[in-house]
C-alpha cells in the first residue's frame, strides 16, 4: 500500500521506499550538479526531517533512487538478514555499493555492533557517496539520535557532510529537497 509520500507500508507497518521507476525525474535537470556532487567518493549526506518526517525523507530517497537508478535499502534489514552481521566490517561489506540508506537506528543500538556511526558512513562512502535518512534530529551542526544520557544516544558532528531537507513540490520539475553543506 502506498501513501502520498512515495513510500510503501510493509507487513510490519513501517514505511519503505516504493520500487524504483525507470523514468528519469524531470527535477534532475535542475539538480544534476548537486546530485553528482552527492555521488562523489567520500561524500556523506543525511536526510534530515525531524521526528514526524519519515515519509517525506523516504520520498526524497525514492526520488534520488529514480535519479541514480538504485533502490534505497534498510540498514536494519541488510544487517539482520539471514544471520545477523557479527561485526561492523561485515555490515560494511553487505552495504557496499548501496548508496541510499534508511533505518539507520540499527547503527545506534547497543550492544549490536558498537560502532562510530560517522566513521562507518565515511568508510561506506569511500567508493561512492552515501545518502542516508537520519532517524533523529539534524541541525546546528550535529545529528542526534535518542536522548542524551540514554544508552542508544548518538551524536554525529556534521562537519564536511551535507544535509538534505525535503521541500514540498507541486510540479515534477521541482527539486524535492534543499541541500545544506556543513563546513569542514
C-alpha atoms as a PDB file:
ATOM      1  CA  UNK A   1       0.000   0.000   0.000  1.00  0.00           C
ATOM      2  CA  UNK A   2       1.371   3.436  -0.824  1.00  0.00           C
ATOM      3  CA  UNK A   3       0.806   6.781   0.781  1.00  0.00           C
ATOM      4  CA  UNK A   4       1.237  10.246  -0.687  1.00  0.00           C
ATOM      5  CA  UNK A   5       4.932  10.355   0.291  1.00  0.00           C
ATOM      6  CA  UNK A   6       6.063   7.884  -2.367  1.00  0.00           C
ATOM      7  CA  UNK A   7       6.667   5.066   0.063  1.00  0.00           C
ATOM      8  CA  UNK A   8       5.107   1.690   0.762  1.00  0.00           C
ATOM      9  CA  UNK A   9       3.972   0.255   4.085  1.00  0.00           C
ATOM     10  CA  UNK A  10       5.311  -3.240   4.706  1.00  0.00           C
ATOM     11  CA  UNK A  11       3.545  -6.016   6.581  1.00  0.00           C
ATOM     12  CA  UNK A  12       5.176  -4.743   9.771  1.00  0.00           C
ATOM     13  CA  UNK A  13       3.545  -1.319   9.278  1.00  0.00           C
ATOM     14  CA  UNK A  14       6.838   0.531   8.684  1.00  0.00           C
ATOM     15  CA  UNK A  15       7.255   2.805   5.693  1.00  0.00           C
ATOM     16  CA  UNK A  16       9.661   1.722   2.964  1.00  0.00           C
ATOM     17  CA  UNK A  17      10.577   3.393  -0.311  1.00  0.00           C
ATOM     18  CA  UNK A  18       8.470   2.273  -3.229  1.00  0.00           C
ATOM     19  CA  UNK A  19      10.081   0.283  -6.043  1.00  0.00           C
ATOM     20  CA  UNK A  20      12.243   2.380  -8.355  1.00  0.00           C
ATOM     21  CA  UNK A  21      10.657   3.722 -11.501  1.00  0.00           C
ATOM     22  CA  UNK A  22      12.976   3.681 -14.506  1.00  0.00           C
ATOM     23  CA  UNK A  23      11.786   7.120 -15.667  1.00  0.00           C
ATOM     24  CA  UNK A  24      14.385   9.873 -15.244  1.00  0.00           C
ATOM     25  CA  UNK A  25      12.893  12.508 -12.938  1.00  0.00           C
ATOM     26  CA  UNK A  26      12.354  15.931 -14.517  1.00  0.00           C
ATOM     27  CA  UNK A  27      13.743  17.734 -11.451  1.00  0.00           C
ATOM     28  CA  UNK A  28      17.150  16.220 -12.183  1.00  0.00           C
ATOM     29  CA  UNK A  29      17.613  18.808 -14.961  1.00  0.00           C
ATOM     30  CA  UNK A  30      17.783  21.460 -12.207  1.00  0.00           C
ATOM     31  CA  UNK A  31      19.850  19.488  -9.704  1.00  0.00           C
ATOM     32  CA  UNK A  32      22.180  17.351 -11.841  1.00  0.00           C
ATOM     33  CA  UNK A  33      25.341  19.019 -10.494  1.00  0.00           C
ATOM     34  CA  UNK A  34      24.163  18.691  -6.885  1.00  0.00           C
ATOM     35  CA  UNK A  35      23.319  15.010  -7.323  1.00  0.00           C
ATOM     36  CA  UNK A  36      26.687  14.328  -8.950  1.00  0.00           C
ATOM     37  CA  UNK A  37      28.405  16.047  -6.012  1.00  0.00           C
ATOM     38  CA  UNK A  38      26.478  13.828  -3.582  1.00  0.00           C
ATOM     39  CA  UNK A  39      27.681  10.751  -5.514  1.00  0.00           C
ATOM     40  CA  UNK A  40      31.374  11.625  -5.253  1.00  0.00           C
ATOM     41  CA  UNK A  41      33.564   9.234  -3.253  1.00  0.00           C
ATOM     42  CA  UNK A  42      33.782  10.386   0.347  1.00  0.00           C
ATOM     43  CA  UNK A  43      30.534  12.390   0.231  1.00  0.00           C
ATOM     44  CA  UNK A  44      28.050  11.736   3.024  1.00  0.00           C
ATOM     45  CA  UNK A  45      24.637  13.391   3.153  1.00  0.00           C
ATOM     46  CA  UNK A  46      21.972  12.945   5.779  1.00  0.00           C
ATOM     47  CA  UNK A  47      18.317  13.473   5.010  1.00  0.00           C
ATOM     48  CA  UNK A  48      17.088  15.463   7.990  1.00  0.00           C
ATOM     49  CA  UNK A  49      13.362  15.527   8.579  1.00  0.00           C
ATOM     50  CA  UNK A  50      12.554  15.693  12.269  1.00  0.00           C
ATOM     51  CA  UNK A  51      10.527  13.231  14.316  1.00  0.00           C
ATOM     52  CA  UNK A  52       7.410  13.141  12.122  1.00  0.00           C
ATOM     53  CA  UNK A  53       9.015  13.322   8.683  1.00  0.00           C
ATOM     54  CA  UNK A  54       9.920   9.737   7.846  1.00  0.00           C
ATOM     55  CA  UNK A  55       7.516   9.633   4.886  1.00  0.00           C
ATOM     56  CA  UNK A  56       8.990  12.847   3.451  1.00  0.00           C
ATOM     57  CA  UNK A  57      12.524  11.524   3.915  1.00  0.00           C
ATOM     58  CA  UNK A  58      11.663   8.231   2.232  1.00  0.00           C
ATOM     59  CA  UNK A  59      10.089  10.178  -0.634  1.00  0.00           C
ATOM     60  CA  UNK A  60      13.393  12.052  -1.111  1.00  0.00           C
ATOM     61  CA  UNK A  61      15.339   8.768  -1.065  1.00  0.00           C
ATOM     62  CA  UNK A  62      12.877   7.303  -3.549  1.00  0.00           C
ATOM     63  CA  UNK A  63      13.327  10.278  -5.891  1.00  0.00           C
ATOM     64  CA  UNK A  64      17.105  10.009  -5.595  1.00  0.00           C
ATOM     65  CA  UNK A  65      16.749   6.297  -6.318  1.00  0.00           C
ATOM     66  CA  UNK A  66      14.944   7.170  -9.546  1.00  0.00           C
ATOM     67  CA  UNK A  67      17.710   9.618 -10.456  1.00  0.00           C
ATOM     68  CA  UNK A  68      20.506   7.167  -9.635  1.00  0.00           C
ATOM     69  CA  UNK A  69      18.705   4.002 -10.805  1.00  0.00           C
ATOM     70  CA  UNK A  70      19.227   2.285  -7.454  1.00  0.00           C
ATOM     71  CA  UNK A  71      16.839   1.322  -4.696  1.00  0.00           C
ATOM     72  CA  UNK A  72      17.181   2.609  -1.141  1.00  0.00           C
ATOM     73  CA  UNK A  73      17.918  -0.158   1.359  1.00  0.00           C
ATOM     74  CA  UNK A  74      17.146  -0.673   5.029  1.00  0.00           C
ATOM     75  CA  UNK A  75      20.289  -0.946   7.149  1.00  0.00           C
ATOM     76  CA  UNK A  76      18.285  -2.974   9.651  1.00  0.00           C
ATOM     77  CA  UNK A  77      17.078  -5.482   7.056  1.00  0.00           C
ATOM     78  CA  UNK A  78      20.522  -5.858   5.451  1.00  0.00           C
ATOM     79  CA  UNK A  79      22.237  -6.167   8.814  1.00  0.00           C
ATOM     80  CA  UNK A  80      19.834  -8.690  10.263  1.00  0.00           C
ATOM     81  CA  UNK A  81      19.009 -10.711   7.116  1.00  0.00           C
ATOM     82  CA  UNK A  82      19.880 -14.376   7.409  1.00  0.00           C
ATOM     83  CA  UNK A  83      22.455 -14.463  10.162  1.00  0.00           C
ATOM     84  CA  UNK A  84      22.894 -11.034  11.752  1.00  0.00           C
ATOM     85  CA  UNK A  85      26.092  -9.226  10.845  1.00  0.00           C
ATOM     86  CA  UNK A  86      28.504 -10.040  13.639  1.00  0.00           C
ATOM     87  CA  UNK A  87      30.850  -7.103  13.128  1.00  0.00           C
ATOM     88  CA  UNK A  88      30.671  -3.613  11.687  1.00  0.00           C
ATOM     89  CA  UNK A  89      33.084  -4.797   8.968  1.00  0.00           C
ATOM     90  CA  UNK A  90      30.622  -7.497   7.903  1.00  0.00           C
ATOM     91  CA  UNK A  91      27.794  -4.955   7.797  1.00  0.00           C
ATOM     92  CA  UNK A  92      30.018  -2.601   5.790  1.00  0.00           C
ATOM     93  CA  UNK A  93      30.580  -5.394   3.264  1.00  0.00           C
ATOM     94  CA  UNK A  94      26.853  -6.103   3.000  1.00  0.00           C
ATOM     95  CA  UNK A  95      26.104  -2.418   2.338  1.00  0.00           C
ATOM     96  CA  UNK A  96      28.954  -1.833  -0.128  1.00  0.00           C
ATOM     97  CA  UNK A  97      27.673  -0.298  -3.357  1.00  0.00           C
ATOM     98  CA  UNK A  98      24.341   0.704  -1.808  1.00  0.00           C
ATOM     99  CA  UNK A  99      24.392   4.494  -1.610  1.00  0.00           C
ATOM    100  CA  UNK A 100      20.820   5.148  -0.377  1.00  0.00           C
ATOM    101  CA  UNK A 101      20.094   4.047   3.182  1.00  0.00           C
ATOM    102  CA  UNK A 102      17.278   4.214   5.694  1.00  0.00           C
ATOM    103  CA  UNK A 103      16.590   2.591   9.083  1.00  0.00           C
ATOM    104  CA  UNK A 104      19.912   3.772  10.500  1.00  0.00           C
ATOM    105  CA  UNK A 105      18.531   3.202  14.004  1.00  0.00           C
ATOM    106  CA  UNK A 106      20.214  -0.201  13.896  1.00  0.00           C
ATOM    107  CA  UNK A 107      23.601   1.536  13.847  1.00  0.00           C
ATOM    108  CA  UNK A 108      22.761   3.306  17.100  1.00  0.00           C
ATOM    109  CA  UNK A 109      21.501   0.360  19.109  1.00  0.00           C
ATOM    110  CA  UNK A 110      23.795  -1.267  21.611  1.00  0.00           C
ATOM    111  CA  UNK A 111      25.134  -3.843  22.112  1.00  0.00           C
ATOM    112  CA  UNK A 112      24.806  -4.940  18.480  1.00  0.00           C
ATOM    113  CA  UNK A 113      27.915  -3.529  16.756  1.00  0.00           C
ATOM    114  CA  UNK A 114      29.378  -0.810  18.992  1.00  0.00           C
ATOM    115  CA  UNK A 115      30.379   1.370  16.079  1.00  0.00           C
ATOM    116  CA  UNK A 116      31.039   5.030  15.452  1.00  0.00           C
ATOM    117  CA  UNK A 117      28.173   5.971  13.095  1.00  0.00           C
ATOM    118  CA  UNK A 118      30.031   8.896  11.491  1.00  0.00           C
ATOM    119  CA  UNK A 119      33.145   6.819  10.820  1.00  0.00           C
ATOM    120  CA  UNK A 120      31.007   3.956   9.487  1.00  0.00           C
ATOM    121  CA  UNK A 121      29.212   6.215   6.983  1.00  0.00           C
ATOM    122  CA  UNK A 122      32.521   7.760   5.866  1.00  0.00           C
ATOM    123  CA  UNK A 123      34.034   4.303   5.331  1.00  0.00           C
ATOM    124  CA  UNK A 124      30.970   3.215   3.365  1.00  0.00           C
ATOM    125  CA  UNK A 125      31.264   6.354   1.216  1.00  0.00           C
ATOM    126  CA  UNK A 126      34.871   5.693   0.192  1.00  0.00           C
ATOM    127  CA  UNK A 127      33.910   4.430  -3.275  1.00  0.00           C
ATOM    128  CA  UNK A 128      30.602   6.205  -3.869  1.00  0.00           C
ATOM    129  CA  UNK A 129      28.757   8.870  -1.889  1.00  0.00           C
ATOM    130  CA  UNK A 130      26.178   7.803   0.683  1.00  0.00           C
ATOM    131  CA  UNK A 131      22.823   9.464   1.336  1.00  0.00           C
ATOM    132  CA  UNK A 132      21.068   8.269   4.473  1.00  0.00           C
ATOM    133  CA  UNK A 133      17.773   9.095   6.147  1.00  0.00           C
ATOM    134  CA  UNK A 134      18.745  10.119   9.674  1.00  0.00           C
ATOM    135  CA  UNK A 135      16.392   8.693  12.331  1.00  0.00           C
ATOM    136  CA  UNK A 136      16.610  11.629  14.732  1.00  0.00           C
ATOM    137  CA  UNK A 137      17.209  15.374  14.773  1.00  0.00           C
ATOM    138  CA  UNK A 138      19.557  17.180  12.409  1.00  0.00           C
ATOM    139  CA  UNK A 139      20.511  20.788  12.989  1.00  0.00           C
ATOM    140  CA  UNK A 140      23.037  23.260  14.325  1.00  0.00           C
ATOM    141  CA  UNK A 141      25.972  21.254  13.005  1.00  0.00           C
ATOM    142  CA  UNK A 142      25.008  17.926  14.613  1.00  0.00           C
ATOM    143  CA  UNK A 143      22.742  14.944  14.088  1.00  0.00           C
ATOM    144  CA  UNK A 144      21.401  13.203  17.184  1.00  0.00           C
ATOM    145  CA  UNK A 145      19.502  10.022  17.875  1.00  0.00           C
ATOM    146  CA  UNK A 146      17.673   9.337  21.142  1.00  0.00           C
ATOM    147  CA  UNK A 147      18.046  11.434  24.271  1.00  0.00           C
ATOM    148  CA  UNK A 148      21.252  12.440  25.994  1.00  0.00           C
ATOM    149  CA  UNK A 149      22.115  10.024  28.789  1.00  0.00           C
ATOM    150  CA  UNK A 150      20.395   7.044  27.163  1.00  0.00           C
ATOM    151  CA  UNK A 151      22.428   4.024  26.145  1.00  0.00           C
ATOM    152  CA  UNK A 152      21.427   4.417  22.483  1.00  0.00           C
ATOM    153  CA  UNK A 153      22.161   8.164  22.304  1.00  0.00           C
ATOM    154  CA  UNK A 154      24.301   9.071  19.288  1.00  0.00           C
ATOM    155  CA  UNK A 155      25.679  12.489  18.405  1.00  0.00           C
ATOM    156  CA  UNK A 156      27.299  12.955  14.988  1.00  0.00           C
ATOM    157  CA  UNK A 157      29.214  16.083  14.018  1.00  0.00           C
ATOM    158  CA  UNK A 158      28.128  17.176  10.542  1.00  0.00           C
ATOM    159  CA  UNK A 159      31.439  18.810   9.590  1.00  0.00           C
ATOM    160  CA  UNK A 160      32.125  18.016   5.936  1.00  0.00           C
ATOM    161  CA  UNK A 161      28.714  16.401   5.393  1.00  0.00           C
ATOM    162  CA  UNK A 162      25.636  17.653   3.593  1.00  0.00           C
ATOM    163  CA  UNK A 163      22.082  17.741   4.875  1.00  0.00           C
ATOM    164  CA  UNK A 164      19.125  17.281   2.548  1.00  0.00           C
ATOM    165  CA  UNK A 165      15.846  18.840   3.643  1.00  0.00           C
ATOM    166  CA  UNK A 166      12.659  17.691   1.913  1.00  0.00           C
ATOM    167  CA  UNK A 167      10.625  20.506   0.370  1.00  0.00           C
ATOM    168  CA  UNK A 168       7.063  20.335  -0.904  1.00  0.00           C
ATOM    169  CA  UNK A 169       6.697  20.292  -4.670  1.00  0.00           C
ATOM    170  CA  UNK A 170       3.751  20.902  -6.948  1.00  0.00           C
ATOM    171  CA  UNK A 171       5.307  20.108 -10.304  1.00  0.00           C
ATOM    172  CA  UNK A 172       7.542  17.230 -11.445  1.00  0.00           C
ATOM    173  CA  UNK A 173      10.387  19.573 -12.438  1.00  0.00           C
ATOM    174  CA  UNK A 174      10.735  20.988  -8.891  1.00  0.00           C
ATOM    175  CA  UNK A 175      13.633  19.619  -6.861  1.00  0.00           C
ATOM    176  CA  UNK A 176      12.191  17.740  -3.845  1.00  0.00           C
ATOM    177  CA  UNK A 177      14.962  18.788  -1.457  1.00  0.00           C
ATOM    178  CA  UNK A 178      17.306  21.596  -0.479  1.00  0.00           C
ATOM    179  CA  UNK A 179      20.963  20.985   0.319  1.00  0.00           C
ATOM    180  CA  UNK A 180      22.802  22.449   3.291  1.00  0.00           C
ATOM    181  CA  UNK A 181      26.542  21.921   3.334  1.00  0.00           C
ATOM    182  CA  UNK A 182      28.250  21.828   6.723  1.00  0.00           C
ATOM    183  CA  UNK A 183      31.666  23.482   6.854  1.00  0.00           C
ATOM    184  CA  UNK A 184      34.670  21.172   7.190  1.00  0.00           C
END
